[in-house]
């Protein structure tokens, strides 16, 4: 699935402006223990082009 193609909403920002967005992530019960990566994408609207990306490694502990 291409998540960039299903992005909706958005808030216009003037060129050069910055904002902070915080996410709260809940993992499904029963996930296996181990390391993985969480990714968040910034999407330019209305073209749905990737404007940025943040990623972080996480460890799932039982």
C-alpha atoms as a PDB file:
ATOM      1  CA  UNK A   1       0.000   0.000   0.000  1.00  0.00           C
ATOM      2  CA  UNK A   2       1.274   3.482  -0.812  1.00  0.00           C
ATOM      3  CA  UNK A   3       0.310   5.581   2.208  1.00  0.00           C
ATOM      4  CA  UNK A   4       1.265   8.796   0.403  1.00  0.00           C
ATOM      5  CA  UNK A   5      -1.668   8.285  -1.963  1.00  0.00           C
ATOM      6  CA  UNK A   6      -4.227   8.093   0.843  1.00  0.00           C
ATOM      7  CA  UNK A   7      -3.075  11.132   2.872  1.00  0.00           C
ATOM      8  CA  UNK A   8      -5.876  13.582   3.645  1.00  0.00           C
ATOM      9  CA  UNK A   9      -6.311  16.881   5.455  1.00  0.00           C
ATOM     10  CA  UNK A  10      -3.347  19.052   6.157  1.00  0.00           C
ATOM     11  CA  UNK A  11      -2.635  22.544   7.395  1.00  0.00           C
ATOM     12  CA  UNK A  12      -1.014  25.161   5.156  1.00  0.00           C
ATOM     13  CA  UNK A  13       2.343  26.451   6.407  1.00  0.00           C
ATOM     14  CA  UNK A  14       4.098  29.469   4.956  1.00  0.00           C
ATOM     15  CA  UNK A  15       7.391  28.728   3.245  1.00  0.00           C
ATOM     16  CA  UNK A  16      10.164  28.454   5.831  1.00  0.00           C
ATOM     17  CA  UNK A  17       7.739  27.880   8.719  1.00  0.00           C
ATOM     18  CA  UNK A  18       8.117  24.988  11.149  1.00  0.00           C
ATOM     19  CA  UNK A  19       5.727  23.049  13.322  1.00  0.00           C
ATOM     20  CA  UNK A  20       5.883  20.187  15.808  1.00  0.00           C
ATOM     21  CA  UNK A  21       3.579  17.193  15.544  1.00  0.00           C
ATOM     22  CA  UNK A  22       3.429  14.570  18.288  1.00  0.00           C
ATOM     23  CA  UNK A  23       2.167  11.053  17.759  1.00  0.00           C
ATOM     24  CA  UNK A  24       1.024   8.522  20.314  1.00  0.00           C
ATOM     25  CA  UNK A  25       1.470   4.961  19.105  1.00  0.00           C
ATOM     26  CA  UNK A  26      -0.303   1.941  20.558  1.00  0.00           C
ATOM     27  CA  UNK A  27       0.937  -1.480  19.555  1.00  0.00           C
ATOM     28  CA  UNK A  28      -1.413  -4.399  19.058  1.00  0.00           C
ATOM     29  CA  UNK A  29      -1.413  -6.974  21.849  1.00  0.00           C
ATOM     30  CA  UNK A  30       0.380 -10.190  21.003  1.00  0.00           C
ATOM     31  CA  UNK A  31       3.192  -8.691  18.921  1.00  0.00           C
ATOM     32  CA  UNK A  32       6.400 -10.687  19.001  1.00  0.00           C
ATOM     33  CA  UNK A  33       9.296  -9.274  20.984  1.00  0.00           C
ATOM     34  CA  UNK A  34      12.071  -7.767  18.896  1.00  0.00           C
ATOM     35  CA  UNK A  35      13.342  -4.661  17.144  1.00  0.00           C
ATOM     36  CA  UNK A  36      11.487  -2.740  14.463  1.00  0.00           C
ATOM     37  CA  UNK A  37      11.229   0.764  13.055  1.00  0.00           C
ATOM     38  CA  UNK A  38       8.454   3.342  13.286  1.00  0.00           C
ATOM     39  CA  UNK A  39       8.153   5.725  10.334  1.00  0.00           C
ATOM     40  CA  UNK A  40       6.194   8.959   9.938  1.00  0.00           C
ATOM     41  CA  UNK A  41       5.916  10.843   6.648  1.00  0.00           C
ATOM     42  CA  UNK A  42       5.188  14.505   5.927  1.00  0.00           C
ATOM     43  CA  UNK A  43       3.005  14.754   2.830  1.00  0.00           C
ATOM     44  CA  UNK A  44       2.558  17.836   0.643  1.00  0.00           C
ATOM     45  CA  UNK A  45      -1.111  18.424  -0.210  1.00  0.00           C
ATOM     46  CA  UNK A  46      -2.865  18.267  -2.640  1.00  0.00           C
ATOM     47  CA  UNK A  47      -0.144  16.514  -4.685  1.00  0.00           C
ATOM     48  CA  UNK A  48       0.449  13.789  -2.048  1.00  0.00           C
ATOM     49  CA  UNK A  49       4.211  14.071  -2.554  1.00  0.00           C
ATOM     50  CA  UNK A  50       6.524  13.057   0.281  1.00  0.00           C
ATOM     51  CA  UNK A  51       7.908  16.235   1.862  1.00  0.00           C
ATOM     52  CA  UNK A  52       9.834  14.618   4.707  1.00  0.00           C
ATOM     53  CA  UNK A  53      10.249  11.518   6.824  1.00  0.00           C
ATOM     54  CA  UNK A  54      11.143  10.659  10.407  1.00  0.00           C
ATOM     55  CA  UNK A  55      12.066   7.191  11.597  1.00  0.00           C
ATOM     56  CA  UNK A  56      13.105   5.690  14.902  1.00  0.00           C
ATOM     57  CA  UNK A  57      14.022   2.189  15.996  1.00  0.00           C
ATOM     58  CA  UNK A  58      11.964   0.646  18.776  1.00  0.00           C
ATOM     59  CA  UNK A  59      12.250  -2.553  20.772  1.00  0.00           C
ATOM     60  CA  UNK A  60       9.092  -4.487  21.614  1.00  0.00           C
ATOM     61  CA  UNK A  61       9.420  -6.130  25.009  1.00  0.00           C
ATOM     62  CA  UNK A  62       6.976  -8.845  26.134  1.00  0.00           C
END
